[in-house]
Structures are given as C-alpha cells and as structure tokens.
N, C-alpha and C. Protein backbone atom coordinates (compact mmCIF):
# COMPACT_ATOMS: atom_id res chain seq x y z
N UNK A 1 -22.26 -24.18 101.14
CA UNK A 1 -22.55 -22.74 101.33
C UNK A 1 -21.25 -21.99 101.59
N UNK A 2 -21.17 -20.86 100.88
CA UNK A 2 -19.95 -20.09 101.01
C UNK A 2 -20.05 -19.11 102.19
N UNK A 3 -18.91 -18.70 102.68
CA UNK A 3 -18.82 -17.59 103.63
C UNK A 3 -18.33 -16.39 102.88
N UNK A 4 -18.86 -15.20 103.24
CA UNK A 4 -18.55 -13.99 102.54
C UNK A 4 -17.97 -12.94 103.56
N UNK A 5 -16.96 -12.20 103.06
CA UNK A 5 -16.41 -11.11 103.88
C UNK A 5 -16.25 -9.93 102.99
N UNK A 6 -16.84 -8.79 103.43
CA UNK A 6 -16.69 -7.54 102.69
C UNK A 6 -15.59 -6.73 103.22
N UNK A 7 -15.05 -5.85 102.40
CA UNK A 7 -14.07 -4.85 102.82
C UNK A 7 -14.17 -3.65 101.93
N UNK A 8 -13.46 -2.63 102.30
CA UNK A 8 -13.39 -1.43 101.42
C UNK A 8 -14.21 -0.22 101.87
N UNK A 9 -15.03 -0.43 102.94
CA UNK A 9 -15.79 0.69 103.44
C UNK A 9 -14.91 1.73 104.11
N UNK A 10 -15.55 2.87 104.44
CA UNK A 10 -14.82 3.90 105.09
C UNK A 10 -15.53 5.19 105.02
N UNK A 11 -14.80 6.24 105.30
CA UNK A 11 -15.42 7.61 105.29
C UNK A 11 -14.94 8.31 103.99
N UNK A 12 -15.91 8.90 103.31
CA UNK A 12 -15.61 9.60 102.07
C UNK A 12 -16.50 10.85 102.03
N UNK A 13 -15.97 11.87 101.37
CA UNK A 13 -16.80 13.04 101.18
C UNK A 13 -17.80 12.85 100.06
N UNK A 14 -18.85 13.61 100.10
CA UNK A 14 -19.80 13.58 99.00
C UNK A 14 -19.13 13.87 97.69
N UNK A 15 -19.51 13.09 96.70
CA UNK A 15 -18.88 13.19 95.40
C UNK A 15 -17.69 12.30 95.22
N UNK A 16 -17.24 11.66 96.30
CA UNK A 16 -16.07 10.81 96.29
C UNK A 16 -16.43 9.39 95.83
N UNK A 17 -15.40 8.53 95.86
CA UNK A 17 -15.54 7.20 95.41
C UNK A 17 -15.01 6.18 96.41
N UNK A 18 -15.57 5.03 96.36
CA UNK A 18 -15.08 3.91 97.17
C UNK A 18 -15.24 2.61 96.31
N UNK A 19 -14.39 1.63 96.58
CA UNK A 19 -14.46 0.35 95.90
C UNK A 19 -14.62 -0.67 96.99
N UNK A 20 -15.71 -1.39 97.00
CA UNK A 20 -15.94 -2.45 97.93
C UNK A 20 -15.55 -3.78 97.35
N UNK A 21 -15.15 -4.67 98.20
CA UNK A 21 -14.77 -6.01 97.76
C UNK A 21 -15.49 -7.01 98.68
N UNK A 22 -15.79 -8.16 98.07
CA UNK A 22 -16.40 -9.27 98.86
C UNK A 22 -15.75 -10.56 98.43
N UNK A 23 -15.07 -11.17 99.35
CA UNK A 23 -14.38 -12.44 99.07
C UNK A 23 -15.18 -13.59 99.62
N UNK A 24 -15.27 -14.62 98.85
CA UNK A 24 -16.02 -15.83 99.25
C UNK A 24 -15.03 -16.94 99.61
N UNK A 25 -15.48 -17.81 100.48
CA UNK A 25 -14.65 -18.95 100.91
C UNK A 25 -14.60 -20.05 99.92
N UNK A 26 -15.52 -20.06 98.95
CA UNK A 26 -15.59 -21.09 97.94
C UNK A 26 -16.11 -20.52 96.67
N UNK A 27 -16.48 -21.43 95.76
CA UNK A 27 -16.84 -21.01 94.46
C UNK A 27 -18.17 -20.21 94.43
N UNK A 28 -18.17 -19.11 93.68
CA UNK A 28 -19.38 -18.29 93.56
C UNK A 28 -20.00 -18.50 92.16
N UNK A 29 -19.46 -19.37 91.36
CA UNK A 29 -19.85 -19.52 89.99
C UNK A 29 -21.35 -19.76 89.82
N UNK A 30 -21.96 -20.47 90.72
CA UNK A 30 -23.36 -20.83 90.55
C UNK A 30 -24.34 -19.83 91.27
N UNK A 31 -23.78 -18.84 91.85
CA UNK A 31 -24.63 -17.95 92.65
C UNK A 31 -24.90 -16.60 91.91
N UNK A 32 -26.11 -16.06 92.13
CA UNK A 32 -26.38 -14.70 91.84
C UNK A 32 -25.77 -13.88 93.01
N UNK A 33 -24.81 -13.04 92.65
CA UNK A 33 -24.14 -12.24 93.66
C UNK A 33 -24.74 -10.85 93.68
N UNK A 34 -25.01 -10.34 94.87
CA UNK A 34 -25.66 -9.08 95.01
C UNK A 34 -25.00 -8.25 96.03
N UNK A 35 -25.19 -6.90 95.90
CA UNK A 35 -24.82 -5.97 96.96
C UNK A 35 -26.09 -5.31 97.43
N UNK A 36 -26.19 -5.19 98.72
CA UNK A 36 -27.31 -4.50 99.38
C UNK A 36 -26.73 -3.38 100.28
N UNK A 37 -27.59 -2.43 100.52
CA UNK A 37 -27.22 -1.34 101.40
C UNK A 37 -28.33 -1.21 102.47
N UNK A 38 -27.96 -0.97 103.71
CA UNK A 38 -28.89 -0.71 104.73
C UNK A 38 -28.52 0.55 105.46
N UNK A 39 -29.32 1.57 105.33
CA UNK A 39 -29.12 2.82 106.08
C UNK A 39 -29.70 2.65 107.46
N UNK A 40 -29.25 3.46 108.39
CA UNK A 40 -29.77 3.40 109.76
C UNK A 40 -31.27 3.50 109.78
N UNK A 41 -31.89 2.59 110.51
CA UNK A 41 -33.36 2.57 110.70
C UNK A 41 -34.14 2.38 109.40
N UNK A 42 -33.50 1.82 108.40
CA UNK A 42 -34.16 1.54 107.12
C UNK A 42 -34.00 0.09 106.71
N UNK A 43 -34.85 -0.29 105.78
CA UNK A 43 -34.76 -1.69 105.31
C UNK A 43 -33.56 -1.86 104.37
N UNK A 44 -33.13 -3.05 104.27
CA UNK A 44 -32.05 -3.40 103.35
C UNK A 44 -32.51 -3.14 101.90
N UNK A 45 -31.67 -2.49 101.10
CA UNK A 45 -32.00 -2.10 99.78
C UNK A 45 -31.03 -2.74 98.81
N UNK A 46 -31.57 -3.39 97.75
CA UNK A 46 -30.74 -4.02 96.73
C UNK A 46 -30.13 -2.95 95.84
N UNK A 47 -28.84 -3.00 95.60
CA UNK A 47 -28.21 -1.97 94.80
C UNK A 47 -27.43 -2.51 93.63
N UNK A 48 -27.23 -3.84 93.58
CA UNK A 48 -26.61 -4.40 92.38
C UNK A 48 -26.80 -5.90 92.44
N UNK A 49 -27.20 -6.45 91.29
CA UNK A 49 -27.23 -7.93 91.11
C UNK A 49 -26.25 -8.20 89.98
N UNK A 50 -25.17 -8.98 90.31
CA UNK A 50 -24.11 -9.27 89.40
C UNK A 50 -24.27 -10.68 88.91
N UNK A 51 -24.86 -10.83 87.75
CA UNK A 51 -25.03 -12.17 87.17
C UNK A 51 -23.76 -12.55 86.42
N UNK A 52 -23.31 -11.62 85.66
CA UNK A 52 -22.04 -11.75 84.97
C UNK A 52 -21.48 -10.33 84.73
N UNK A 53 -20.33 -10.22 84.30
CA UNK A 53 -19.72 -8.88 84.16
C UNK A 53 -20.40 -8.06 83.06
N UNK A 54 -21.10 -8.70 82.17
CA UNK A 54 -21.86 -7.97 81.18
C UNK A 54 -23.34 -8.01 81.48
N UNK A 55 -23.70 -8.52 82.63
CA UNK A 55 -25.09 -8.62 83.02
C UNK A 55 -25.22 -8.21 84.48
N UNK A 56 -25.33 -6.93 84.71
CA UNK A 56 -25.48 -6.40 86.04
C UNK A 56 -26.72 -5.50 86.14
N UNK A 57 -27.55 -5.72 87.13
CA UNK A 57 -28.77 -4.93 87.22
C UNK A 57 -28.60 -3.97 88.40
N UNK A 58 -29.04 -2.75 88.19
CA UNK A 58 -29.02 -1.72 89.22
C UNK A 58 -30.36 -0.99 89.35
N UNK A 59 -30.66 -0.53 90.52
CA UNK A 59 -31.85 0.37 90.63
C UNK A 59 -31.51 1.71 90.02
N UNK A 60 -32.52 2.47 89.66
CA UNK A 60 -32.32 3.76 89.06
C UNK A 60 -31.45 4.69 89.93
N UNK A 61 -31.53 4.51 91.22
CA UNK A 61 -30.84 5.42 92.15
C UNK A 61 -29.32 5.40 92.04
N UNK A 62 -28.77 4.25 91.57
CA UNK A 62 -27.32 4.14 91.49
C UNK A 62 -26.82 3.92 90.07
N UNK A 63 -27.72 3.69 89.14
CA UNK A 63 -27.31 3.41 87.76
C UNK A 63 -26.49 4.57 87.19
N UNK A 64 -25.35 4.20 86.58
CA UNK A 64 -24.45 5.22 86.01
C UNK A 64 -23.37 5.62 86.96
N UNK A 65 -23.53 5.36 88.26
CA UNK A 65 -22.55 5.77 89.24
C UNK A 65 -21.83 4.56 89.87
N UNK A 66 -22.59 3.43 89.98
CA UNK A 66 -22.07 2.27 90.62
C UNK A 66 -21.80 1.21 89.54
N UNK A 67 -20.76 0.46 89.72
CA UNK A 67 -20.41 -0.61 88.78
C UNK A 67 -20.09 -1.85 89.59
N UNK A 68 -20.77 -2.93 89.31
CA UNK A 68 -20.51 -4.15 90.03
C UNK A 68 -19.83 -5.14 89.02
N UNK A 69 -18.94 -5.97 89.54
CA UNK A 69 -18.31 -6.97 88.73
C UNK A 69 -17.85 -8.12 89.59
N UNK A 70 -17.55 -9.24 88.91
CA UNK A 70 -17.19 -10.45 89.61
C UNK A 70 -16.06 -11.14 88.87
N UNK A 71 -15.30 -11.95 89.69
CA UNK A 71 -14.30 -12.82 89.09
C UNK A 71 -14.54 -14.17 89.73
N UNK A 72 -15.11 -15.08 88.95
CA UNK A 72 -15.43 -16.37 89.51
C UNK A 72 -14.17 -17.18 89.80
N UNK A 73 -13.10 -16.92 89.11
CA UNK A 73 -11.83 -17.63 89.37
C UNK A 73 -11.27 -17.26 90.75
N UNK A 74 -11.45 -16.01 91.09
CA UNK A 74 -10.96 -15.49 92.38
C UNK A 74 -12.01 -15.59 93.52
N UNK A 75 -13.21 -15.95 93.13
CA UNK A 75 -14.36 -16.03 94.09
C UNK A 75 -14.49 -14.68 94.79
N UNK A 76 -14.57 -13.66 93.98
CA UNK A 76 -14.63 -12.28 94.54
C UNK A 76 -15.54 -11.44 93.69
N UNK A 77 -16.21 -10.54 94.36
CA UNK A 77 -16.99 -9.52 93.60
C UNK A 77 -16.57 -8.14 94.18
N UNK A 78 -16.87 -7.13 93.36
CA UNK A 78 -16.55 -5.74 93.74
C UNK A 78 -17.74 -4.81 93.43
N UNK A 79 -17.68 -3.69 94.07
CA UNK A 79 -18.64 -2.64 93.75
C UNK A 79 -17.88 -1.32 93.74
N UNK A 80 -17.77 -0.78 92.56
CA UNK A 80 -17.15 0.53 92.40
C UNK A 80 -18.24 1.62 92.55
N UNK A 81 -18.08 2.49 93.49
CA UNK A 81 -19.12 3.50 93.75
C UNK A 81 -18.52 4.87 93.55
N UNK A 82 -19.12 5.56 92.61
CA UNK A 82 -18.61 6.92 92.27
C UNK A 82 -19.70 7.95 92.60
N UNK A 83 -19.22 9.19 92.77
CA UNK A 83 -20.15 10.30 93.04
C UNK A 83 -21.13 9.93 94.21
N UNK A 84 -20.51 9.50 95.29
CA UNK A 84 -21.35 9.07 96.46
C UNK A 84 -22.08 10.25 97.07
N UNK A 85 -23.26 9.97 97.63
CA UNK A 85 -24.11 10.98 98.26
C UNK A 85 -24.28 10.69 99.73
N UNK A 86 -24.49 11.71 100.53
CA UNK A 86 -24.62 11.48 101.99
C UNK A 86 -25.69 10.50 102.33
N UNK A 87 -26.74 10.47 101.55
CA UNK A 87 -27.87 9.56 101.89
C UNK A 87 -27.49 8.11 101.56
N UNK A 88 -26.35 7.86 101.01
CA UNK A 88 -25.88 6.51 100.74
C UNK A 88 -25.05 5.94 101.86
N UNK A 89 -24.97 6.71 102.90
CA UNK A 89 -24.34 6.21 104.18
C UNK A 89 -25.09 4.97 104.64
N UNK A 90 -24.36 3.98 105.03
CA UNK A 90 -24.98 2.77 105.59
C UNK A 90 -23.99 1.64 105.59
N UNK A 91 -24.54 0.45 105.87
CA UNK A 91 -23.73 -0.77 105.87
C UNK A 91 -24.00 -1.48 104.55
N UNK A 92 -22.98 -1.87 103.92
CA UNK A 92 -23.10 -2.53 102.59
C UNK A 92 -22.83 -4.03 102.80
N UNK A 93 -23.74 -4.82 102.25
CA UNK A 93 -23.64 -6.28 102.43
C UNK A 93 -23.50 -6.94 101.06
N UNK A 94 -22.69 -7.99 101.11
CA UNK A 94 -22.59 -8.90 99.95
C UNK A 94 -23.52 -10.09 100.23
N UNK A 95 -24.12 -10.53 99.14
CA UNK A 95 -25.11 -11.65 99.23
C UNK A 95 -24.92 -12.65 98.11
N UNK A 96 -24.99 -13.89 98.46
CA UNK A 96 -24.92 -14.99 97.47
C UNK A 96 -26.25 -15.73 97.51
N UNK A 97 -26.90 -15.69 96.33
CA UNK A 97 -28.24 -16.25 96.28
C UNK A 97 -28.36 -17.28 95.22
N UNK A 98 -29.25 -18.21 95.39
CA UNK A 98 -29.51 -19.27 94.42
C UNK A 98 -30.65 -18.90 93.44
N UNK A 99 -31.48 -17.99 93.95
CA UNK A 99 -32.64 -17.61 93.12
C UNK A 99 -32.35 -16.28 92.44
N UNK A 100 -32.93 -16.08 91.23
CA UNK A 100 -32.68 -14.87 90.53
C UNK A 100 -33.31 -13.60 91.10
N UNK A 101 -34.36 -13.80 91.89
CA UNK A 101 -35.06 -12.64 92.47
C UNK A 101 -35.30 -12.89 93.95
N UNK A 102 -35.36 -11.79 94.68
CA UNK A 102 -35.82 -11.86 96.06
C UNK A 102 -34.69 -12.37 96.98
N UNK A 103 -35.06 -12.31 98.26
CA UNK A 103 -34.14 -12.80 99.30
C UNK A 103 -34.67 -14.19 99.74
N UNK A 104 -33.72 -15.16 99.65
CA UNK A 104 -34.12 -16.52 99.98
C UNK A 104 -33.69 -16.91 101.34
N UNK A 105 -34.31 -17.91 101.90
CA UNK A 105 -33.97 -18.38 103.27
C UNK A 105 -32.54 -18.95 103.28
N UNK A 106 -32.07 -19.41 102.16
CA UNK A 106 -30.73 -20.00 102.12
C UNK A 106 -29.64 -19.07 101.58
N UNK A 107 -29.98 -17.83 101.43
CA UNK A 107 -28.96 -16.86 101.00
C UNK A 107 -27.82 -16.77 102.02
N UNK A 108 -26.67 -16.44 101.54
CA UNK A 108 -25.52 -16.21 102.38
C UNK A 108 -25.22 -14.75 102.41
N UNK A 109 -24.93 -14.23 103.60
CA UNK A 109 -24.62 -12.81 103.77
C UNK A 109 -23.24 -12.66 104.42
N UNK A 110 -22.56 -11.57 103.97
CA UNK A 110 -21.36 -11.19 104.74
C UNK A 110 -21.75 -10.33 105.92
N UNK A 111 -20.78 -10.03 106.80
CA UNK A 111 -21.08 -9.23 108.02
C UNK A 111 -21.30 -7.76 107.68
N UNK A 112 -20.97 -7.30 106.47
CA UNK A 112 -21.13 -5.94 106.09
C UNK A 112 -19.91 -5.08 106.25
N UNK A 113 -19.86 -4.03 105.47
CA UNK A 113 -18.83 -2.99 105.61
C UNK A 113 -19.46 -1.64 105.62
N UNK A 114 -19.01 -0.83 106.54
CA UNK A 114 -19.65 0.45 106.78
C UNK A 114 -19.13 1.53 105.87
N UNK A 115 -20.11 2.30 105.24
CA UNK A 115 -19.71 3.39 104.35
C UNK A 115 -20.38 4.66 104.96
N UNK A 116 -19.54 5.63 105.14
CA UNK A 116 -20.03 6.96 105.62
C UNK A 116 -19.71 8.01 104.61
N UNK A 117 -20.73 8.71 104.13
CA UNK A 117 -20.53 9.74 103.17
C UNK A 117 -20.81 11.08 103.81
N UNK A 118 -19.79 11.89 104.00
CA UNK A 118 -19.99 13.19 104.64
C UNK A 118 -20.41 14.27 103.64
N UNK A 119 -21.18 15.20 104.12
CA UNK A 119 -21.64 16.30 103.21
C UNK A 119 -20.68 17.44 103.29
C-alpha cells in the first residue's frame, strides 16, 4: 500500500488557477488515481479519475476547467485547476484505488491540501 501526500493548495481569487500535486511513496502504476474535494460540512466529492493521461473522467461541474494527469515513473499525479469558483473551496484529497468505481475499504488517502477560493 502506498502513502500519499498532496501539495499545492492555497488561497486564490475566483477565476484563478492552482496546480495540485500528489506524490506516492511507491508505484502507482496499478492504481486508479483520483482527486476528491470536500467542502466544509459536505460529503467528499469525486472530481477526477486518472486512469491514464488520455483517459481521465471528470464530473460535469469541473469538465473543461480541471485537468488531471499522472506520471507512473515519478509516482505522482497532478490536478490543474483553472477558473476556480468560490464554491470550490475545500480540502482536496488524493486517492489510490484498486477498483474502477466507488470508494473501497482498502483505498489509500492523502491527508489533503486546503484550497480557498475568494470571491
């Protein structure tokens, strides 16, 4: 099981951009890598599933503004977020999963990185 650490969060104005990074302690090649977001007092929301750099799934809410990608050689994934909105404030988590869908009991999570989007 890998350990994950996110970075890149911070304070940004609405319309701005941030690039998040998640570094793994070991190989991520066999994992479905995902980014989730959790706003205060809300459930964790899936915002990107990075299967490969040409196979990334996004919900409608971020499609066209967010880009996820991975480098299996570096054991790292990223999330480029453009045109950020205040309602996207929250903690962003990196997730390594064995299953293609859903949250599994054996998923690995990073501690999260905080993103604040000011209006």
